[in-house]
C-alpha atoms as a PDB file:
ATOM      1  CA  UNK A   1      26.020  15.916 -81.216  1.00  0.00           C
ATOM      2  CA  UNK A   2      29.350  15.039 -79.964  1.00  0.00           C
ATOM      3  CA  UNK A   3      29.384  15.302 -76.254  1.00  0.00           C
ATOM      4  CA  UNK A   4      32.663  15.420 -74.053  1.00  0.00           C
ATOM      5  CA  UNK A   5      33.224  15.927 -70.605  1.00  0.00           C
ATOM      6  CA  UNK A   6      36.181  15.295 -68.617  1.00  0.00           C
ATOM      7  CA  UNK A   7      36.648  14.996 -65.025  1.00  0.00           C
ATOM      8  CA  UNK A   8      33.224  16.197 -64.282  1.00  0.00           C
ATOM      9  CA  UNK A   9      31.830  16.198 -61.263  1.00  0.00           C
ATOM     10  CA  UNK A  10      29.266  18.179 -58.892  1.00  0.00           C
ATOM     11  CA  UNK A  11      29.035  18.824 -55.267  1.00  0.00           C
ATOM     12  CA  UNK A  12      26.835  21.030 -53.767  1.00  0.00           C
ATOM     13  CA  UNK A  13      27.228  23.508 -51.188  1.00  0.00           C
ATOM     14  CA  UNK A  14      25.647  21.255 -48.343  1.00  0.00           C
ATOM     15  CA  UNK A  15      28.613  19.105 -49.336  1.00  0.00           C
ATOM     16  CA  UNK A  16      27.141  16.556 -50.896  1.00  0.00           C
ATOM     17  CA  UNK A  17      29.008  15.111 -53.754  1.00  0.00           C
ATOM     18  CA  UNK A  18      25.859  14.197 -56.506  1.00  0.00           C
ATOM     19  CA  UNK A  19      28.620  13.200 -59.396  1.00  0.00           C
ATOM     20  CA  UNK A  20      31.995  11.730 -58.689  1.00  0.00           C
ATOM     21  CA  UNK A  21      34.536  12.662 -61.564  1.00  0.00           C
ATOM     22  CA  UNK A  22      33.820  11.183 -64.787  1.00  0.00           C
ATOM     23  CA  UNK A  23      34.615  11.336 -68.432  1.00  0.00           C
ATOM     24  CA  UNK A  24      32.712  10.496 -71.509  1.00  0.00           C
ATOM     25  CA  UNK A  25      33.057  11.112 -75.293  1.00  0.00           C
ATOM     26  CA  UNK A  26      31.029  10.480 -78.018  1.00  0.00           C
ATOM     27  CA  UNK A  27      28.555  11.334 -80.998  1.00  0.00           C
ATOM     28  CA  UNK A  28      25.053  11.338 -79.610  1.00  0.00           C
ATOM     29  CA  UNK A  29      22.017  11.261 -81.066  1.00  0.00           C
ATOM     30  CA  UNK A  30      19.480   9.397 -78.621  1.00  0.00           C
ATOM     31  CA  UNK A  31      20.789   8.659 -75.166  1.00  0.00           C
ATOM     32  CA  UNK A  32      18.969   7.369 -72.139  1.00  0.00           C
ATOM     33  CA  UNK A  33      20.189   8.202 -68.831  1.00  0.00           C
ATOM     34  CA  UNK A  34      19.152   5.527 -66.074  1.00  0.00           C
ATOM     35  CA  UNK A  35      20.014   4.347 -62.818  1.00  0.00           C
ATOM     36  CA  UNK A  36      18.422   4.429 -59.291  1.00  0.00           C
ATOM     37  CA  UNK A  37      16.778   7.466 -57.807  1.00  0.00           C
ATOM     38  CA  UNK A  38      19.474  10.018 -56.523  1.00  0.00           C
ATOM     39  CA  UNK A  39      22.394   8.602 -58.602  1.00  0.00           C
ATOM     40  CA  UNK A  40      22.700  12.252 -60.405  1.00  0.00           C
ATOM     41  CA  UNK A  41      20.491  11.884 -63.790  1.00  0.00           C
ATOM     42  CA  UNK A  42      18.795  14.906 -63.764  1.00  0.00           C
ATOM     43  CA  UNK A  43      22.331  16.614 -62.390  1.00  0.00           C
ATOM     44  CA  UNK A  44      24.186  15.710 -65.071  1.00  0.00           C
ATOM     45  CA  UNK A  45      21.165  16.587 -67.637  1.00  0.00           C
ATOM     46  CA  UNK A  46      21.224  20.521 -66.072  1.00  0.00           C
ATOM     47  CA  UNK A  47      24.694  20.828 -66.270  1.00  0.00           C
ATOM     48  CA  UNK A  48      24.668  19.722 -69.950  1.00  0.00           C
ATOM     49  CA  UNK A  49      21.917  21.804 -70.382  1.00  0.00           C
ATOM     50  CA  UNK A  50      24.107  24.801 -69.051  1.00  0.00           C
ATOM     51  CA  UNK A  51      21.368  25.450 -65.849  1.00  0.00           C
ATOM     52  CA  UNK A  52      23.937  24.453 -63.012  1.00  0.00           C
ATOM     53  CA  UNK A  53      27.824  24.405 -62.962  1.00  0.00           C
ATOM     54  CA  UNK A  54      29.748  21.588 -62.205  1.00  0.00           C
ATOM     55  CA  UNK A  55      32.246  21.840 -59.673  1.00  0.00           C
ATOM     56  CA  UNK A  56      35.112  20.406 -61.544  1.00  0.00           C
ATOM     57  CA  UNK A  57      35.761  19.510 -65.199  1.00  0.00           C
ATOM     58  CA  UNK A  58      35.020  20.636 -68.409  1.00  0.00           C
ATOM     59  CA  UNK A  59      32.003  19.993 -70.659  1.00  0.00           C
ATOM     60  CA  UNK A  60      32.264  20.158 -74.999  1.00  0.00           C
ATOM     61  CA  UNK A  61      29.657  20.394 -77.501  1.00  0.00           C
ATOM     62  CA  UNK A  62      30.553  19.637 -80.677  1.00  0.00           C
ATOM     63  CA  UNK A  63      33.707  20.669 -79.824  1.00  0.00           C
ATOM     64  CA  UNK A  64      33.345  23.807 -78.224  1.00  0.00           C
ATOM     65  CA  UNK A  65      33.378  24.609 -74.450  1.00  0.00           C
ATOM     66  CA  UNK A  66      30.302  25.519 -72.203  1.00  0.00           C
ATOM     67  CA  UNK A  67      31.352  28.567 -70.678  1.00  0.00           C
ATOM     68  CA  UNK A  68      30.710  29.411 -67.095  1.00  0.00           C
ATOM     69  CA  UNK A  69      30.041  33.229 -67.920  1.00  0.00           C
ATOM     70  CA  UNK A  70      26.241  33.858 -67.923  1.00  0.00           C
ATOM     71  CA  UNK A  71      25.729  35.677 -70.935  1.00  0.00           C
ATOM     72  CA  UNK A  72      27.211  33.230 -72.847  1.00  0.00           C
ATOM     73  CA  UNK A  73      25.526  30.233 -71.097  1.00  0.00           C
ATOM     74  CA  UNK A  74      22.346  32.274 -72.286  1.00  0.00           C
ATOM     75  CA  UNK A  75      23.276  31.994 -76.000  1.00  0.00           C
ATOM     76  CA  UNK A  76      23.996  28.551 -75.346  1.00  0.00           C
ATOM     77  CA  UNK A  77      20.618  27.353 -73.526  1.00  0.00           C
ATOM     78  CA  UNK A  78      19.006  29.227 -76.789  1.00  0.00           C
ATOM     79  CA  UNK A  79      20.077  26.592 -78.621  1.00  0.00           C
ATOM     80  CA  UNK A  80      18.572  23.895 -76.613  1.00  0.00           C
ATOM     81  CA  UNK A  81      15.152  22.599 -75.872  1.00  0.00           C
ATOM     82  CA  UNK A  82      13.988  21.055 -72.083  1.00  0.00           C
ATOM     83  CA  UNK A  83      11.335  19.315 -70.909  1.00  0.00           C
ATOM     84  CA  UNK A  84      10.976  18.429 -67.261  1.00  0.00           C
ATOM     85  CA  UNK A  85       9.347  15.957 -64.624  1.00  0.00           C
ATOM     86  CA  UNK A  86       6.517  19.027 -64.635  1.00  0.00           C
ATOM     87  CA  UNK A  87       5.725  20.333 -67.916  1.00  0.00           C
ATOM     88  CA  UNK A  88       6.579  23.879 -66.372  1.00  0.00           C
ATOM     89  CA  UNK A  89       4.221  25.571 -68.388  1.00  0.00           C
ATOM     90  CA  UNK A  90       3.321  29.737 -67.732  1.00  0.00           C
ATOM     91  CA  UNK A  91      -0.200  29.098 -65.974  1.00  0.00           C
ATOM     92  CA  UNK A  92      -1.311  32.678 -66.721  1.00  0.00           C
ATOM     93  CA  UNK A  93      -0.726  31.639 -70.484  1.00  0.00           C
ATOM     94  CA  UNK A  94      -2.656  29.535 -72.743  1.00  0.00           C
ATOM     95  CA  UNK A  95      -1.447  26.945 -74.747  1.00  0.00           C
ATOM     96  CA  UNK A  96      -0.588  28.805 -78.163  1.00  0.00           C
ATOM     97  CA  UNK A  97       0.982  31.625 -75.843  1.00  0.00           C
ATOM     98  CA  UNK A  98       3.195  29.506 -74.035  1.00  0.00           C
ATOM     99  CA  UNK A  99       5.001  28.141 -77.183  1.00  0.00           C
ATOM    100  CA  UNK A 100       4.615  31.935 -78.846  1.00  0.00           C
ATOM    101  CA  UNK A 101       6.309  33.824 -75.927  1.00  0.00           C
ATOM    102  CA  UNK A 102       9.891  32.689 -75.950  1.00  0.00           C
ATOM    103  CA  UNK A 103       9.751  32.171 -79.605  1.00  0.00           C
ATOM    104  CA  UNK A 104       9.182  36.069 -79.413  1.00  0.00           C
ATOM    105  CA  UNK A 105      11.496  36.996 -76.430  1.00  0.00           C
ATOM    106  CA  UNK A 106      14.253  34.766 -77.172  1.00  0.00           C
ATOM    107  CA  UNK A 107      14.250  33.788 -80.570  1.00  0.00           C
ATOM    108  CA  UNK A 108      13.482  37.073 -82.429  1.00  0.00           C
ATOM    109  CA  UNK A 109      10.291  35.789 -84.087  1.00  0.00           C
ATOM    110  CA  UNK A 110       8.027  38.138 -85.084  1.00  0.00           C
ATOM    111  CA  UNK A 111       4.521  37.861 -83.310  1.00  0.00           C
ATOM    112  CA  UNK A 112       2.979  35.968 -86.766  1.00  0.00           C
ATOM    113  CA  UNK A 113       5.740  33.841 -87.183  1.00  0.00           C
ATOM    114  CA  UNK A 114       5.711  33.014 -83.848  1.00  0.00           C
ATOM    115  CA  UNK A 115       1.669  32.015 -83.907  1.00  0.00           C
ATOM    116  CA  UNK A 116       2.372  30.086 -87.210  1.00  0.00           C
ATOM    117  CA  UNK A 117       5.053  27.734 -86.005  1.00  0.00           C
ATOM    118  CA  UNK A 118       3.281  27.631 -82.443  1.00  0.00           C
ATOM    119  CA  UNK A 119      -0.029  26.806 -84.505  1.00  0.00           C
ATOM    120  CA  UNK A 120       1.524  24.126 -87.049  1.00  0.00           C
ATOM    121  CA  UNK A 121       3.055  22.655 -83.922  1.00  0.00           C
ATOM    122  CA  UNK A 122      -0.071  21.984 -81.712  1.00  0.00           C
ATOM    123  CA  UNK A 123      -1.868  20.907 -85.089  1.00  0.00           C
ATOM    124  CA  UNK A 124       0.917  18.155 -85.315  1.00  0.00           C
ATOM    125  CA  UNK A 125       0.627  17.273 -81.656  1.00  0.00           C
ATOM    126  CA  UNK A 126      -3.309  17.250 -82.031  1.00  0.00           C
ATOM    127  CA  UNK A 127      -3.970  19.903 -79.830  1.00  0.00           C
ATOM    128  CA  UNK A 128      -5.493  22.256 -82.239  1.00  0.00           C
ATOM    129  CA  UNK A 129      -8.800  22.584 -80.580  1.00  0.00           C
ATOM    130  CA  UNK A 130      -6.525  23.297 -77.026  1.00  0.00           C
ATOM    131  CA  UNK A 131      -4.872  26.659 -78.307  1.00  0.00           C
ATOM    132  CA  UNK A 132      -6.514  28.952 -75.922  1.00  0.00           C
ATOM    133  CA  UNK A 133      -6.651  26.716 -73.052  1.00  0.00           C
ATOM    134  CA  UNK A 134      -4.738  27.364 -69.842  1.00  0.00           C
ATOM    135  CA  UNK A 135      -2.621  24.205 -68.376  1.00  0.00           C
ATOM    136  CA  UNK A 136      -5.150  23.958 -65.339  1.00  0.00           C
ATOM    137  CA  UNK A 137      -7.512  23.056 -68.443  1.00  0.00           C
ATOM    138  CA  UNK A 138      -5.107  20.446 -69.668  1.00  0.00           C
ATOM    139  CA  UNK A 139      -4.541  16.889 -68.864  1.00  0.00           C
ATOM    140  CA  UNK A 140      -1.097  15.694 -68.065  1.00  0.00           C
ATOM    141  CA  UNK A 141      -0.404  14.388 -71.013  1.00  0.00           C
ATOM    142  CA  UNK A 142      -1.657  17.425 -73.061  1.00  0.00           C
ATOM    143  CA  UNK A 143       0.420  19.117 -71.000  1.00  0.00           C
ATOM    144  CA  UNK A 144       3.725  17.592 -71.795  1.00  0.00           C
ATOM    145  CA  UNK A 145       2.752  17.519 -75.451  1.00  0.00           C
ATOM    146  CA  UNK A 146       2.722  21.583 -75.262  1.00  0.00           C
ATOM    147  CA  UNK A 147       6.004  21.582 -73.251  1.00  0.00           C
ATOM    148  CA  UNK A 148       7.121  19.340 -75.942  1.00  0.00           C
ATOM    149  CA  UNK A 149       6.281  21.817 -78.620  1.00  0.00           C
ATOM    150  CA  UNK A 150       7.635  24.660 -76.999  1.00  0.00           C
ATOM    151  CA  UNK A 151      10.993  22.802 -76.462  1.00  0.00           C
ATOM    152  CA  UNK A 152      11.039  22.589 -80.141  1.00  0.00           C
ATOM    153  CA  UNK A 153       9.618  25.019 -81.310  1.00  0.00           C
ATOM    154  CA  UNK A 154      12.644  26.938 -82.521  1.00  0.00           C
ATOM    155  CA  UNK A 155      14.338  24.201 -83.861  1.00  0.00           C
ATOM    156  CA  UNK A 156      17.214  23.257 -81.040  1.00  0.00           C
ATOM    157  CA  UNK A 157      20.224  21.539 -81.840  1.00  0.00           C
ATOM    158  CA  UNK A 158      19.861  18.856 -78.877  1.00  0.00           C
ATOM    159  CA  UNK A 159      16.733  18.026 -77.131  1.00  0.00           C
ATOM    160  CA  UNK A 160      17.066  17.405 -72.925  1.00  0.00           C
ATOM    161  CA  UNK A 161      14.211  15.617 -71.336  1.00  0.00           C
ATOM    162  CA  UNK A 162      14.156  15.204 -67.346  1.00  0.00           C
ATOM    163  CA  UNK A 163      11.600  12.330 -66.634  1.00  0.00           C
ATOM    164  CA  UNK A 164       8.704  13.822 -69.107  1.00  0.00           C
ATOM    165  CA  UNK A 165       6.547  10.784 -67.976  1.00  0.00           C
ATOM    166  CA  UNK A 166       7.253  10.312 -64.493  1.00  0.00           C
ATOM    167  CA  UNK A 167       4.036  12.043 -63.130  1.00  0.00           C
ATOM    168  CA  UNK A 168       1.477  10.896 -65.703  1.00  0.00           C
ATOM    169  CA  UNK A 169      -1.034   8.011 -65.957  1.00  0.00           C
ATOM    170  CA  UNK A 170       0.028   5.076 -68.511  1.00  0.00           C
ATOM    171  CA  UNK A 171      -1.855   6.515 -71.562  1.00  0.00           C
ATOM    172  CA  UNK A 172      -0.673   9.633 -71.340  1.00  0.00           C
ATOM    173  CA  UNK A 173       2.951   8.182 -71.005  1.00  0.00           C
ATOM    174  CA  UNK A 174       2.702   5.943 -74.030  1.00  0.00           C
ATOM    175  CA  UNK A 175       1.384   9.483 -75.876  1.00  0.00           C
ATOM    176  CA  UNK A 176       4.407  11.388 -74.762  1.00  0.00           C
ATOM    177  CA  UNK A 177       6.648   8.820 -75.623  1.00  0.00           C
ATOM    178  CA  UNK A 178       5.457   8.201 -78.794  1.00  0.00           C
ATOM    179  CA  UNK A 179       6.138  11.889 -79.795  1.00  0.00           C
ATOM    180  CA  UNK A 180       9.723  11.724 -78.454  1.00  0.00           C
ATOM    181  CA  UNK A 181      10.110   8.649 -80.820  1.00  0.00           C
ATOM    182  CA  UNK A 182       8.369  10.327 -83.659  1.00  0.00           C
ATOM    183  CA  UNK A 183      11.181  13.217 -83.028  1.00  0.00           C
ATOM    184  CA  UNK A 184      14.116  11.060 -83.384  1.00  0.00           C
ATOM    185  CA  UNK A 185      12.814   9.379 -86.793  1.00  0.00           C
ATOM    186  CA  UNK A 186      13.001  13.140 -87.681  1.00  0.00           C
ATOM    187  CA  UNK A 187      16.549  13.244 -87.165  1.00  0.00           C
ATOM    188  CA  UNK A 188      16.238  15.134 -83.673  1.00  0.00           C
ATOM    189  CA  UNK A 189      19.151  14.511 -81.117  1.00  0.00           C
ATOM    190  CA  UNK A 190      18.002  14.063 -77.305  1.00  0.00           C
ATOM    191  CA  UNK A 191      19.294  12.904 -74.311  1.00  0.00           C
ATOM    192  CA  UNK A 192      16.469  11.757 -71.912  1.00  0.00           C
ATOM    193  CA  UNK A 193      16.689  10.755 -68.203  1.00  0.00           C
ATOM    194  CA  UNK A 194      13.568   8.131 -67.648  1.00  0.00           C
ATOM    195  CA  UNK A 195      12.660   5.168 -65.892  1.00  0.00           C
ATOM    196  CA  UNK A 196      10.980   3.758 -69.072  1.00  0.00           C
ATOM    197  CA  UNK A 197      12.881   0.674 -69.709  1.00  0.00           C
ATOM    198  CA  UNK A 198      11.090  -0.078 -72.924  1.00  0.00           C
ATOM    199  CA  UNK A 199      11.631   3.352 -74.346  1.00  0.00           C
ATOM    200  CA  UNK A 200      15.261   3.392 -73.498  1.00  0.00           C
ATOM    201  CA  UNK A 201      15.999  -0.115 -74.892  1.00  0.00           C
ATOM    202  CA  UNK A 202      14.108   0.221 -78.304  1.00  0.00           C
ATOM    203  CA  UNK A 203      13.844   3.933 -79.037  1.00  0.00           C
ATOM    204  CA  UNK A 204      17.522   5.106 -77.722  1.00  0.00           C
ATOM    205  CA  UNK A 205      20.716   4.227 -79.453  1.00  0.00           C
ATOM    206  CA  UNK A 206      22.931   4.149 -76.483  1.00  0.00           C
ATOM    207  CA  UNK A 207      22.607   4.012 -72.474  1.00  0.00           C
ATOM    208  CA  UNK A 208      24.310   5.940 -69.443  1.00  0.00           C
ATOM    209  CA  UNK A 209      23.839   3.921 -66.287  1.00  0.00           C
ATOM    210  CA  UNK A 210      24.811   6.075 -63.183  1.00  0.00           C
ATOM    211  CA  UNK A 211      24.603   5.008 -59.823  1.00  0.00           C
ATOM    212  CA  UNK A 212      26.066   6.076 -56.815  1.00  0.00           C
ATOM    213  CA  UNK A 213      26.768   9.162 -58.362  1.00  0.00           C
ATOM    214  CA  UNK A 214      29.238   7.391 -61.079  1.00  0.00           C
ATOM    215  CA  UNK A 215      28.949   6.289 -64.250  1.00  0.00           C
ATOM    216  CA  UNK A 216      29.339   2.688 -63.569  1.00  0.00           C
ATOM    217  CA  UNK A 217      28.513   1.743 -67.779  1.00  0.00           C
ATOM    218  CA  UNK A 218      27.919   2.878 -71.315  1.00  0.00           C
ATOM    219  CA  UNK A 219      27.054   1.326 -74.296  1.00  0.00           C
ATOM    220  CA  UNK A 220      24.572   0.589 -77.206  1.00  0.00           C
ATOM    221  CA  UNK A 221      21.092  -0.302 -75.701  1.00  0.00           C
ATOM    222  CA  UNK A 222      20.755  -3.949 -76.834  1.00  0.00           C
ATOM    223  CA  UNK A 223      23.977  -4.845 -75.521  1.00  0.00           C
ATOM    224  CA  UNK A 224      23.690  -3.174 -71.889  1.00  0.00           C
ATOM    225  CA  UNK A 225      20.210  -4.693 -71.543  1.00  0.00           C
ATOM    226  CA  UNK A 226      21.452  -7.795 -72.997  1.00  0.00           C
ATOM    227  CA  UNK A 227      24.780  -8.259 -71.261  1.00  0.00           C
ATOM    228  CA  UNK A 228      25.049  -5.911 -68.059  1.00  0.00           C
ATOM    229  CA  UNK A 229      28.372  -6.074 -66.733  1.00  0.00           C
ATOM    230  CA  UNK A 230      28.128  -4.740 -63.179  1.00  0.00           C
ATOM    231  CA  UNK A 231      26.082  -6.307 -60.220  1.00  0.00           C
ATOM    232  CA  UNK A 232      24.647  -2.779 -59.965  1.00  0.00           C
ATOM    233  CA  UNK A 233      23.184  -2.417 -63.601  1.00  0.00           C
ATOM    234  CA  UNK A 234      22.032  -6.285 -63.017  1.00  0.00           C
ATOM    235  CA  UNK A 235      20.297  -5.493 -60.059  1.00  0.00           C
ATOM    236  CA  UNK A 236      18.628  -2.147 -61.178  1.00  0.00           C
ATOM    237  CA  UNK A 237      17.178  -4.243 -64.583  1.00  0.00           C
ATOM    238  CA  UNK A 238      16.190  -7.178 -62.276  1.00  0.00           C
ATOM    239  CA  UNK A 239      13.988  -4.976 -60.169  1.00  0.00           C
ATOM    240  CA  UNK A 240      12.422  -3.063 -62.732  1.00  0.00           C
ATOM    241  CA  UNK A 241      11.778  -5.865 -64.805  1.00  0.00           C
ATOM    242  CA  UNK A 242      10.377  -8.155 -62.325  1.00  0.00           C
ATOM    243  CA  UNK A 243       6.445  -7.740 -62.901  1.00  0.00           C
ATOM    244  CA  UNK A 244       6.949  -6.796 -66.828  1.00  0.00           C
ATOM    245  CA  UNK A 245       4.360  -8.357 -68.623  1.00  0.00           C
END
């Protein structure tokens, strides 16, 4: 997917500037957005997903501008998949229903079609025995697998993931990242905000480094990790990789 934004910035009502004006144009297949906390990563992802509006600037996806009209935004968001830090599952619905509900209500699937699609995804992600369980009865990793299944159920054009493993133990982190990598190998385009540097480096083609609300560096993963150009990225990677085994 071709992603473009020009003079994009975000300032919140309390006069906090989260994103300084920035420009970007490239074809995106697998992109990791990295950087220190408070650097604007989640804000950028939510703007690209049409969840919040920028203060200035224009965004184009495959050449089509993202409208600020709410009805147009709803149509735009229907073509995307979202996975957040917390799974965001409906607590009163079981795993199967969490997937079938948006398929029926948003994407126009019949009940039979929705159940077939949801059941196939739950089986694929090793959750076929958990279809009737509510989120409280699922582990964190299982909840995120259901969330990913829900996000890709309608075959979105782009998957947006906002630190999907930040609240997970290491073993659950691995299983969730394995699923995202599997989706990459099937050709699904995604943008992920992550602190998992190993995944960013080896599973994502390109990297955006955001720091202090600025797009400091962008490029091929191997190049940015192997030859960072700014002191900010050098310091960031140095701190994160110091204790790696």
